[in-house]
Amino acid sequence: MRELFIYYRIPSAAADEALAAALALQARLRQRHPGLTARLLRRPDDANEQQTWMETYAYLRDTEPAGVTSALEAEIADEARVLAPFIAGARHTEVFIPCAS
């Protein structure tokens, strides 16, 4: 089952606005894709000027056997364009699958 882990840096000064945009995009994705789980995480020990954030996307067990498809990955990237004004540097996407279920 394919899962996505997407990380990037946000200037701390833009964190409140970026948070609202990120949560809204994840809510839209969950609404269109029942069973999709989307989380937003932040590294706790970041410096004052920037924060490292991570979005995760996966399906609940047995909802979508293949997990996050390439088509959904492209849709997530398209939705994430709203975050572009807030991101310092690149947005990195990693794909993982479970070692065991």
PDB file of N, CA and C in Angstrom:
ATOM      1  N   MET A   1       0.849  -1.167   0.000  1.00  0.00           N
ATOM      2  CA  MET A   1       0.000   0.000   0.000  1.00  0.00           C
ATOM      3  C   MET A   1       0.904   1.241   0.000  1.00  0.00           C
ATOM      4  N   ARG A   2       0.870   1.983  -1.043  1.00  0.00           N
ATOM      5  CA  ARG A   2       1.728   3.142  -1.273  1.00  0.00           C
ATOM      6  C   ARG A   2       1.296   4.338  -0.408  1.00  0.00           C
ATOM      7  N   GLU A   3       2.269   4.949   0.314  1.00  0.00           N
ATOM      8  CA  GLU A   3       2.012   6.116   1.148  1.00  0.00           C
ATOM      9  C   GLU A   3       2.961   7.231   0.748  1.00  0.00           C
ATOM     10  N   LEU A   4       2.521   8.484   0.910  1.00  0.00           N
ATOM     11  CA  LEU A   4       3.350   9.640   0.566  1.00  0.00           C
ATOM     12  C   LEU A   4       3.776  10.393   1.825  1.00  0.00           C
ATOM     13  N   PHE A   5       5.017  10.874   1.780  1.00  0.00           N
ATOM     14  CA  PHE A   5       5.584  11.723   2.821  1.00  0.00           C
ATOM     15  C   PHE A   5       6.209  12.911   2.099  1.00  0.00           C
ATOM     16  N   ILE A   6       5.689  14.094   2.350  1.00  0.00           N
ATOM     17  CA  ILE A   6       6.102  15.291   1.615  1.00  0.00           C
ATOM     18  C   ILE A   6       6.598  16.318   2.624  1.00  0.00           C
ATOM     19  N   TYR A   7       7.831  16.763   2.432  1.00  0.00           N
ATOM     20  CA  TYR A   7       8.386  17.708   3.394  1.00  0.00           C
ATOM     21  C   TYR A   7       8.932  18.955   2.708  1.00  0.00           C
ATOM     22  N   TYR A   8       8.943  20.045   3.474  1.00  0.00           N
ATOM     23  CA  TYR A   8       9.382  21.340   2.965  1.00  0.00           C
ATOM     24  C   TYR A   8       9.588  22.283   4.140  1.00  0.00           C
ATOM     25  N   ARG A   9      10.172  23.443   3.857  1.00  0.00           N
ATOM     26  CA  ARG A   9      10.438  24.450   4.880  1.00  0.00           C
ATOM     27  C   ARG A   9       9.492  25.638   4.689  1.00  0.00           C
ATOM     28  N   ILE A  10       9.023  26.147   5.815  1.00  0.00           N
ATOM     29  CA  ILE A  10       8.121  27.300   5.837  1.00  0.00           C
ATOM     30  C   ILE A  10       8.775  28.388   6.705  1.00  0.00           C
ATOM     31  N   PRO A  11       8.857  29.623   6.219  1.00  0.00           N
ATOM     32  CA  PRO A  11       9.321  30.700   7.106  1.00  0.00           C
ATOM     33  C   PRO A  11       8.354  30.832   8.292  1.00  0.00           C
ATOM     34  N   SER A  12       8.895  30.933   9.470  1.00  0.00           N
ATOM     35  CA  SER A  12       8.045  31.023  10.670  1.00  0.00           C
ATOM     36  C   SER A  12       7.057  32.177  10.595  1.00  0.00           C
ATOM     37  N   ALA A  13       7.445  33.264   9.957  1.00  0.00           N
ATOM     38  CA  ALA A  13       6.555  34.424   9.841  1.00  0.00           C
ATOM     39  C   ALA A  13       5.306  34.111   9.020  1.00  0.00           C
ATOM     40  N   ALA A  14       5.373  33.093   8.153  1.00  0.00           N
ATOM     41  CA  ALA A  14       4.234  32.731   7.301  1.00  0.00           C
ATOM     42  C   ALA A  14       3.486  31.507   7.816  1.00  0.00           C
ATOM     43  N   ALA A  15       3.861  31.007   8.983  1.00  0.00           N
ATOM     44  CA  ALA A  15       3.322  29.734   9.466  1.00  0.00           C
ATOM     45  C   ALA A  15       1.801  29.732   9.638  1.00  0.00           C
ATOM     46  N   ASP A  16       1.236  30.781  10.194  1.00  0.00           N
ATOM     47  CA  ASP A  16      -0.216  30.796  10.431  1.00  0.00           C
ATOM     48  C   ASP A  16      -0.990  30.727   9.119  1.00  0.00           C
ATOM     49  N   GLU A  17      -0.572  31.528   8.166  1.00  0.00           N
ATOM     50  CA  GLU A  17      -1.241  31.548   6.860  1.00  0.00           C
ATOM     51  C   GLU A  17      -1.032  30.231   6.121  1.00  0.00           C
ATOM     52  N   ALA A  18       0.183  29.694   6.185  1.00  0.00           N
ATOM     53  CA  ALA A  18       0.481  28.418   5.527  1.00  0.00           C
ATOM     54  C   ALA A  18      -0.305  27.278   6.161  1.00  0.00           C
ATOM     55  N   LEU A  19      -0.456  27.313   7.470  1.00  0.00           N
ATOM     56  CA  LEU A  19      -1.218  26.279   8.173  1.00  0.00           C
ATOM     57  C   LEU A  19      -2.661  26.251   7.688  1.00  0.00           C
ATOM     58  N   ALA A  20      -3.284  27.397   7.597  1.00  0.00           N
ATOM     59  CA  ALA A  20      -4.668  27.459   7.124  1.00  0.00           C
ATOM     60  C   ALA A  20      -4.780  26.911   5.700  1.00  0.00           C
ATOM     61  N   ALA A  21      -3.845  27.268   4.831  1.00  0.00           N
ATOM     62  CA  ALA A  21      -3.873  26.790   3.442  1.00  0.00           C
ATOM     63  C   ALA A  21      -3.651  25.293   3.369  1.00  0.00           C
ATOM     64  N   ALA A  22      -2.709  24.767   4.149  1.00  0.00           N
ATOM     65  CA  ALA A  22      -2.402  23.334   4.121  1.00  0.00           C
ATOM     66  C   ALA A  22      -3.569  22.507   4.657  1.00  0.00           C
ATOM     67  N   LEU A  23      -4.166  22.947   5.752  1.00  0.00           N
ATOM     68  CA  LEU A  23      -5.299  22.199   6.309  1.00  0.00           C
ATOM     69  C   LEU A  23      -6.494  22.222   5.359  1.00  0.00           C
ATOM     70  N   ALA A  24      -6.707  23.335   4.680  1.00  0.00           N
ATOM     71  CA  ALA A  24      -7.817  23.429   3.724  1.00  0.00           C
ATOM     72  C   ALA A  24      -7.581  22.506   2.531  1.00  0.00           C
ATOM     73  N   LEU A  25      -6.355  22.449   2.027  1.00  0.00           N
ATOM     74  CA  LEU A  25      -6.106  21.568   0.876  1.00  0.00           C
ATOM     75  C   LEU A  25      -6.267  20.115   1.281  1.00  0.00           C
ATOM     76  N   GLN A  26      -5.838  19.751   2.485  1.00  0.00           N
ATOM     77  CA  GLN A  26      -6.005  18.366   2.927  1.00  0.00           C
ATOM     78  C   GLN A  26      -7.482  18.026   3.139  1.00  0.00           C
ATOM     79  N   ALA A  27      -8.261  18.965   3.622  1.00  0.00           N
ATOM     80  CA  ALA A  27      -9.698  18.733   3.793  1.00  0.00           C
ATOM     81  C   ALA A  27     -10.373  18.505   2.443  1.00  0.00           C
ATOM     82  N   ARG A  28      -9.992  19.281   1.434  1.00  0.00           N
ATOM     83  CA  ARG A  28     -10.564  19.088   0.085  1.00  0.00           C
ATOM     84  C   ARG A  28     -10.208  17.706  -0.456  1.00  0.00           C
ATOM     85  N   LEU A  29      -8.984  17.278  -0.259  1.00  0.00           N
ATOM     86  CA  LEU A  29      -8.564  15.964  -0.744  1.00  0.00           C
ATOM     87  C   LEU A  29      -9.319  14.840  -0.030  1.00  0.00           C
ATOM     88  N   ARG A  30      -9.460  14.944   1.293  1.00  0.00           N
ATOM     89  CA  ARG A  30     -10.191  13.907   2.043  1.00  0.00           C
ATOM     90  C   ARG A  30     -11.651  13.853   1.629  1.00  0.00           C
ATOM     91  N   GLN A  31     -12.224  15.003   1.307  1.00  0.00           N
ATOM     92  CA  GLN A  31     -13.624  15.027   0.886  1.00  0.00           C
ATOM     93  C   GLN A  31     -13.790  14.305  -0.450  1.00  0.00           C
ATOM     94  N   ARG A  32     -12.866  14.511  -1.368  1.00  0.00           N
ATOM     95  CA  ARG A  32     -12.954  13.886  -2.695  1.00  0.00           C
ATOM     96  C   ARG A  32     -12.527  12.423  -2.698  1.00  0.00           C
ATOM     97  N   HIS A  33     -11.764  12.000  -1.690  1.00  0.00           N
ATOM     98  CA  HIS A  33     -11.218  10.639  -1.646  1.00  0.00           C
ATOM     99  C   HIS A  33     -11.530   9.993  -0.302  1.00  0.00           C
ATOM    100  N   PRO A  34     -12.736   9.420  -0.173  1.00  0.00           N
ATOM    101  CA  PRO A  34     -13.108   8.776   1.089  1.00  0.00           C
ATOM    102  C   PRO A  34     -12.080   7.717   1.494  1.00  0.00           C
ATOM    103  N   GLY A  35     -11.731   7.718   2.761  1.00  0.00           N
ATOM    104  CA  GLY A  35     -10.757   6.763   3.273  1.00  0.00           C
ATOM    105  C   GLY A  35      -9.327   7.285   3.263  1.00  0.00           C
ATOM    106  N   LEU A  36      -9.084   8.410   2.598  1.00  0.00           N
ATOM    107  CA  LEU A  36      -7.745   8.989   2.568  1.00  0.00           C
ATOM    108  C   LEU A  36      -7.454   9.650   3.906  1.00  0.00           C
ATOM    109  N   THR A  37      -6.316   9.330   4.477  1.00  0.00           N
ATOM    110  CA  THR A  37      -5.876  10.026   5.679  1.00  0.00           C
ATOM    111  C   THR A  37      -4.795  11.020   5.272  1.00  0.00           C
ATOM    112  N   ALA A  38      -4.869  12.194   5.825  1.00  0.00           N
ATOM    113  CA  ALA A  38      -3.905  13.250   5.535  1.00  0.00           C
ATOM    114  C   ALA A  38      -3.514  13.886   6.855  1.00  0.00           C
ATOM    115  N   ARG A  39      -2.216  13.961   7.094  1.00  0.00           N
ATOM    116  CA  ARG A  39      -1.728  14.569   8.334  1.00  0.00           C
ATOM    117  C   ARG A  39      -0.744  15.674   7.993  1.00  0.00           C
ATOM    118  N   LEU A  40      -0.620  16.630   8.896  1.00  0.00           N
ATOM    119  CA  LEU A  40       0.346  17.706   8.755  1.00  0.00           C
ATOM    120  C   LEU A  40       1.171  17.737  10.035  1.00  0.00           C
ATOM    121  N   LEU A  41       2.480  17.599   9.890  1.00  0.00           N
ATOM    122  CA  LEU A  41       3.392  17.529  11.026  1.00  0.00           C
ATOM    123  C   LEU A  41       4.433  18.633  10.920  1.00  0.00           C
ATOM    124  N   ARG A  42       5.015  18.976  12.063  1.00  0.00           N
ATOM    125  CA  ARG A  42       6.083  19.975  12.096  1.00  0.00           C
ATOM    126  C   ARG A  42       7.194  19.456  12.987  1.00  0.00           C
ATOM    127  N   ARG A  43       8.432  19.633  12.547  1.00  0.00           N
ATOM    128  CA  ARG A  43       9.580  19.243  13.360  1.00  0.00           C
ATOM    129  C   ARG A  43       9.602  20.140  14.606  1.00  0.00           C
ATOM    130  N   PRO A  44       9.694  19.559  15.800  1.00  0.00           N
ATOM    131  CA  PRO A  44       9.558  20.349  17.026  1.00  0.00           C
ATOM    132  C   PRO A  44      10.761  21.213  17.380  1.00  0.00           C
ATOM    133  N   ASP A  45      11.930  20.901  16.859  1.00  0.00           N
ATOM    134  CA  ASP A  45      13.137  21.595  17.297  1.00  0.00           C
ATOM    135  C   ASP A  45      13.705  22.541  16.246  1.00  0.00           C
ATOM    136  N   ASP A  46      12.851  23.070  15.386  1.00  0.00           N
ATOM    137  CA  ASP A  46      13.312  23.967  14.333  1.00  0.00           C
ATOM    138  C   ASP A  46      13.774  25.317  14.878  1.00  0.00           C
ATOM    139  N   ALA A  47      14.644  25.944  14.116  1.00  0.00           N
ATOM    140  CA  ALA A  47      15.115  27.292  14.456  1.00  0.00           C
ATOM    141  C   ALA A  47      13.961  28.282  14.343  1.00  0.00           C
ATOM    142  N   ASN A  48      14.173  29.468  14.829  1.00  0.00           N
ATOM    143  CA  ASN A  48      13.117  30.475  14.837  1.00  0.00           C
ATOM    144  C   ASN A  48      12.708  30.958  13.454  1.00  0.00           C
ATOM    145  N   GLU A  49      13.634  31.003  12.507  1.00  0.00           N
ATOM    146  CA  GLU A  49      13.336  31.593  11.206  1.00  0.00           C
ATOM    147  C   GLU A  49      12.529  30.691  10.277  1.00  0.00           C
ATOM    148  N   GLN A  50      12.752  29.384  10.336  1.00  0.00           N
ATOM    149  CA  GLN A  50      12.042  28.449   9.451  1.00  0.00           C
ATOM    150  C   GLN A  50      11.599  27.218  10.227  1.00  0.00           C
ATOM    151  N   GLN A  51      10.547  26.580   9.696  1.00  0.00           N
ATOM    152  CA  GLN A  51      10.036  25.342  10.263  1.00  0.00           C
ATOM    153  C   GLN A  51      10.026  24.285   9.164  1.00  0.00           C
ATOM    154  N   THR A  52      10.291  23.046   9.541  1.00  0.00           N
ATOM    155  CA  THR A  52      10.183  21.939   8.595  1.00  0.00           C
ATOM    156  C   THR A  52       8.834  21.275   8.810  1.00  0.00           C
ATOM    157  N   TRP A  53       8.070  21.196   7.738  1.00  0.00           N
ATOM    158  CA  TRP A  53       6.738  20.585   7.792  1.00  0.00           C
ATOM    159  C   TRP A  53       6.722  19.316   6.965  1.00  0.00           C
ATOM    160  N   MET A  54       5.817  18.402   7.335  1.00  0.00           N
ATOM    161  CA  MET A  54       5.631  17.172   6.567  1.00  0.00           C
ATOM    162  C   MET A  54       4.147  16.882   6.436  1.00  0.00           C
ATOM    163  N   GLU A  55       3.727  16.642   5.211  1.00  0.00           N
ATOM    164  CA  GLU A  55       2.378  16.152   4.936  1.00  0.00           C
ATOM    165  C   GLU A  55       2.497  14.649   4.723  1.00  0.00           C
ATOM    166  N   THR A  56       1.541  13.877   5.242  1.00  0.00           N
ATOM    167  CA  THR A  56       1.504  12.444   4.971  1.00  0.00           C
ATOM    168  C   THR A  56       0.136  12.098   4.390  1.00  0.00           C
ATOM    169  N   TYR A  57       0.159  11.155   3.466  1.00  0.00           N
ATOM    170  CA  TYR A  57      -1.072  10.700   2.809  1.00  0.00           C
ATOM    171  C   TYR A  57      -1.056   9.184   2.724  1.00  0.00           C
ATOM    172  N   ALA A  58      -2.135   8.571   3.171  1.00  0.00           N
ATOM    173  CA  ALA A  58      -2.283   7.116   3.126  1.00  0.00           C
ATOM    174  C   ALA A  58      -3.775   6.805   3.140  1.00  0.00           C
ATOM    175  N   TYR A  59      -4.095   5.579   2.823  1.00  0.00           N
ATOM    176  CA  TYR A  59      -5.486   5.129   2.907  1.00  0.00           C
ATOM    177  C   TYR A  59      -5.671   4.247   4.120  1.00  0.00           C
ATOM    178  N   LEU A  60      -6.850   4.334   4.693  1.00  0.00           N
ATOM    179  CA  LEU A  60      -7.195   3.418   5.764  1.00  0.00           C
ATOM    180  C   LEU A  60      -7.112   1.992   5.229  1.00  0.00           C
ATOM    181  N   ARG A  61      -6.806   1.065   6.080  1.00  0.00           N
ATOM    182  CA  ARG A  61      -6.665  -0.332   5.681  1.00  0.00           C
ATOM    183  C   ARG A  61      -7.911  -0.802   4.918  1.00  0.00           C
ATOM    184  N   ASP A  62      -7.699  -1.464   3.813  1.00  0.00           N
ATOM    185  CA  ASP A  62      -8.742  -2.069   2.972  1.00  0.00           C
ATOM    186  C   ASP A  62      -9.613  -1.062   2.220  1.00  0.00           C
ATOM    187  N   THR A  63      -9.335   0.235   2.326  1.00  0.00           N
ATOM    188  CA  THR A  63     -10.119   1.217   1.583  1.00  0.00           C
ATOM    189  C   THR A  63      -9.665   1.273   0.134  1.00  0.00           C
ATOM    190  N   GLU A  64      -8.374   1.322  -0.075  1.00  0.00           N
ATOM    191  CA  GLU A  64      -7.780   1.405  -1.411  1.00  0.00           C
ATOM    192  C   GLU A  64      -6.539   0.517  -1.380  1.00  0.00           C
ATOM    193  N   PRO A  65      -6.661  -0.733  -1.867  1.00  0.00           N
ATOM    194  CA  PRO A  65      -5.556  -1.704  -1.745  1.00  0.00           C
ATOM    195  C   PRO A  65      -4.211  -1.227  -2.300  1.00  0.00           C
ATOM    196  N   ALA A  66      -4.209  -0.423  -3.347  1.00  0.00           N
ATOM    197  CA  ALA A  66      -2.950   0.045  -3.929  1.00  0.00           C
ATOM    198  C   ALA A  66      -2.362   1.211  -3.134  1.00  0.00           C
ATOM    199  N   GLY A  67      -3.173   1.829  -2.307  1.00  0.00           N
ATOM    200  CA  GLY A  67      -2.714   3.006  -1.584  1.00  0.00           C
ATOM    201  C   GLY A  67      -2.836   4.251  -2.446  1.00  0.00           C
ATOM    202  N   VAL A  68      -1.942   5.196  -2.234  1.00  0.00           N
ATOM    203  CA  VAL A  68      -1.964   6.461  -2.962  1.00  0.00           C
ATOM    204  C   VAL A  68      -1.412   6.211  -4.369  1.00  0.00           C
ATOM    205  N   THR A  69      -2.260   6.325  -5.350  1.00  0.00           N
ATOM    206  CA  THR A  69      -1.853   6.077  -6.732  1.00  0.00           C
ATOM    207  C   THR A  69      -1.058   7.257  -7.294  1.00  0.00           C
ATOM    208  N   SER A  70      -0.433   7.029  -8.436  1.00  0.00           N
ATOM    209  CA  SER A  70       0.295   8.111  -9.109  1.00  0.00           C
ATOM    210  C   SER A  70      -0.649   9.246  -9.499  1.00  0.00           C
ATOM    211  N   ALA A  71      -1.871   8.891  -9.890  1.00  0.00           N
ATOM    212  CA  ALA A  71      -2.855   9.917 -10.258  1.00  0.00           C
ATOM    213  C   ALA A  71      -3.209  10.782  -9.052  1.00  0.00           C
ATOM    214  N   LEU A  72      -3.402  10.161  -7.888  1.00  0.00           N
ATOM    215  CA  LEU A  72      -3.698  10.935  -6.676  1.00  0.00           C
ATOM    216  C   LEU A  72      -2.473  11.747  -6.262  1.00  0.00           C
ATOM    217  N   GLU A  73      -1.302  11.199  -6.420  1.00  0.00           N
ATOM    218  CA  GLU A  73      -0.081  11.949  -6.112  1.00  0.00           C
ATOM    219  C   GLU A  73      -0.009  13.228  -6.948  1.00  0.00           C
ATOM    220  N   ALA A  74      -0.358  13.119  -8.223  1.00  0.00           N
ATOM    221  CA  ALA A  74      -0.373  14.301  -9.102  1.00  0.00           C
ATOM    222  C   ALA A  74      -1.440  15.297  -8.655  1.00  0.00           C
ATOM    223  N   GLU A  75      -2.587  14.795  -8.212  1.00  0.00           N
ATOM    224  CA  GLU A  75      -3.656  15.667  -7.719  1.00  0.00           C
ATOM    225  C   GLU A  75      -3.218  16.411  -6.450  1.00  0.00           C
ATOM    226  N   ILE A  76      -2.518  15.708  -5.577  1.00  0.00           N
ATOM    227  CA  ILE A  76      -2.003  16.332  -4.352  1.00  0.00           C
ATOM    228  C   ILE A  76      -1.017  17.441  -4.713  1.00  0.00           C
ATOM    229  N   ALA A  77      -0.125  17.167  -5.653  1.00  0.00           N
ATOM    230  CA  ALA A  77       0.844  18.179  -6.088  1.00  0.00           C
ATOM    231  C   ALA A  77       0.133  19.387  -6.689  1.00  0.00           C
ATOM    232  N   ASP A  78      -0.919  19.139  -7.446  1.00  0.00           N
ATOM    233  CA  ASP A  78      -1.677  20.235  -8.053  1.00  0.00           C
ATOM    234  C   ASP A  78      -2.347  21.085  -6.972  1.00  0.00           C
ATOM    235  N   GLU A  79      -2.969  20.433  -6.004  1.00  0.00           N
ATOM    236  CA  GLU A  79      -3.611  21.145  -4.894  1.00  0.00           C
ATOM    237  C   GLU A  79      -2.592  21.956  -4.101  1.00  0.00           C
ATOM    238  N   ALA A  80      -1.388  21.420  -3.974  1.00  0.00           N
ATOM    239  CA  ALA A  80      -0.357  22.052  -3.151  1.00  0.00           C
ATOM    240  C   ALA A  80       0.200  23.333  -3.765  1.00  0.00           C
ATOM    241  N   ARG A  81      -0.207  23.664  -4.954  1.00  0.00           N
ATOM    242  CA  ARG A  81       0.247  24.927  -5.557  1.00  0.00           C
ATOM    243  C   ARG A  81      -0.136  26.118  -4.681  1.00  0.00           C
ATOM    244  N   VAL A  82      -1.195  25.984  -3.887  1.00  0.00           N
ATOM    245  CA  VAL A  82      -1.597  27.087  -3.005  1.00  0.00           C
ATOM    246  C   VAL A  82      -0.549  27.352  -1.917  1.00  0.00           C
ATOM    247  N   LEU A  83       0.325  26.380  -1.682  1.00  0.00           N
ATOM    248  CA  LEU A  83       1.364  26.542  -0.668  1.00  0.00           C
ATOM    249  C   LEU A  83       2.629  27.195  -1.220  1.00  0.00           C
ATOM    250  N   ALA A  84       2.747  27.282  -2.527  1.00  0.00           N
ATOM    251  CA  ALA A  84       3.975  27.788  -3.153  1.00  0.00           C
ATOM    252  C   ALA A  84       4.448  29.125  -2.592  1.00  0.00           C
ATOM    253  N   PRO A  85       3.558  30.085  -2.342  1.00  0.00           N
ATOM    254  CA  PRO A  85       4.037  31.367  -1.811  1.00  0.00           C
ATOM    255  C   PRO A  85       4.679  31.268  -0.418  1.00  0.00           C
ATOM    256  N   PHE A  86       4.413  30.185   0.296  1.00  0.00           N
ATOM    257  CA  PHE A  86       4.894  30.034   1.661  1.00  0.00           C
ATOM    258  C   PHE A  86       6.144  29.161   1.786  1.00  0.00           C
ATOM    259  N   ILE A  87       6.446  28.373   0.764  1.00  0.00           N
ATOM    260  CA  ILE A  87       7.522  27.387   0.855  1.00  0.00           C
ATOM    261  C   ILE A  87       8.862  28.021   0.522  1.00  0.00           C
ATOM    262  N   ALA A  88       9.838  27.795   1.401  1.00  0.00           N
ATOM    263  CA  ALA A  88      11.209  28.253   1.184  1.00  0.00           C
ATOM    264  C   ALA A  88      11.996  27.075   0.620  1.00  0.00           C
ATOM    265  N   GLY A  89      12.337  27.132  -0.655  1.00  0.00           N
ATOM    266  CA  GLY A  89      13.049  26.025  -1.281  1.00  0.00           C
ATOM    267  C   GLY A  89      12.085  25.087  -1.994  1.00  0.00           C
ATOM    268  N   ALA A  90      12.440  23.821  -2.006  1.00  0.00           N
ATOM    269  CA  ALA A  90      11.665  22.825  -2.749  1.00  0.00           C
ATOM    270  C   ALA A  90      10.734  22.040  -1.828  1.00  0.00           C
ATOM    271  N   ARG A  91       9.733  21.448  -2.444  1.00  0.00           N
ATOM    272  CA  ARG A  91       8.803  20.532  -1.774  1.00  0.00           C
ATOM    273  C   ARG A  91       9.226  19.138  -2.202  1.00  0.00           C
ATOM    274  N   HIS A  92       9.577  18.274  -1.264  1.00  0.00           N
ATOM    275  CA  HIS A  92      10.133  16.948  -1.559  1.00  0.00           C
ATOM    276  C   HIS A  92       9.108  15.860  -1.267  1.00  0.00           C
ATOM    277  N   THR A  93       8.886  14.986  -2.234  1.00  0.00           N
ATOM    278  CA  THR A  93       7.935  13.885  -2.063  1.00  0.00           C
ATOM    279  C   THR A  93       8.689  12.563  -2.006  1.00  0.00           C
ATOM    280  N   GLU A  94       8.380  11.776  -0.991  1.00  0.00           N
ATOM    281  CA  GLU A  94       8.941  10.430  -0.829  1.00  0.00           C
ATOM    282  C   GLU A  94       7.779   9.449  -0.800  1.00  0.00           C
ATOM    283  N   VAL A  95       7.985   8.285  -1.412  1.00  0.00           N
ATOM    284  CA  VAL A  95       6.967   7.232  -1.439  1.00  0.00           C
ATOM    285  C   VAL A  95       7.496   6.037  -0.659  1.00  0.00           C
ATOM    286  N   PHE A  96       6.670   5.508   0.232  1.00  0.00           N
ATOM    287  CA  PHE A  96       7.035   4.331   1.017  1.00  0.00           C
ATOM    288  C   PHE A  96       5.906   3.306   0.946  1.00  0.00           C
ATOM    289  N   ILE A  97       6.276   2.052   1.153  1.00  0.00           N
ATOM    290  CA  ILE A  97       5.285   0.985   1.277  1.00  0.00           C
ATOM    291  C   ILE A  97       5.605   0.226   2.568  1.00  0.00           C
ATOM    292  N   PRO A  98       4.604  -0.409   3.179  1.00  0.00           N
ATOM    293  CA  PRO A  98       4.855  -1.150   4.416  1.00  0.00           C
ATOM    294  C   PRO A  98       5.787  -2.337   4.181  1.00  0.00           C
ATOM    295  N   CYS A  99       6.632  -2.611   5.155  1.00  0.00           N
ATOM    296  CA  CYS A  99       7.492  -3.801   5.100  1.00  0.00           C
ATOM    297  C   CYS A  99       6.673  -5.047   5.398  1.00  0.00           C
ATOM    298  N   ALA A 100       5.674  -4.906   6.250  1.00  0.00           N
ATOM    299  CA  ALA A 100       4.802  -6.011   6.632  1.00  0.00           C
ATOM    300  C   ALA A 100       3.451  -5.419   6.990  1.00  0.00           C
ATOM    301  N   SER A 101       2.402  -6.252   6.870  1.00  0.00           N
ATOM    302  CA  SER A 101       1.091  -5.744   7.251  1.00  0.00           C
ATOM    303  C   SER A 101       0.528  -6.488   8.427  1.00  0.00           C
TER     304      SER A 101
END
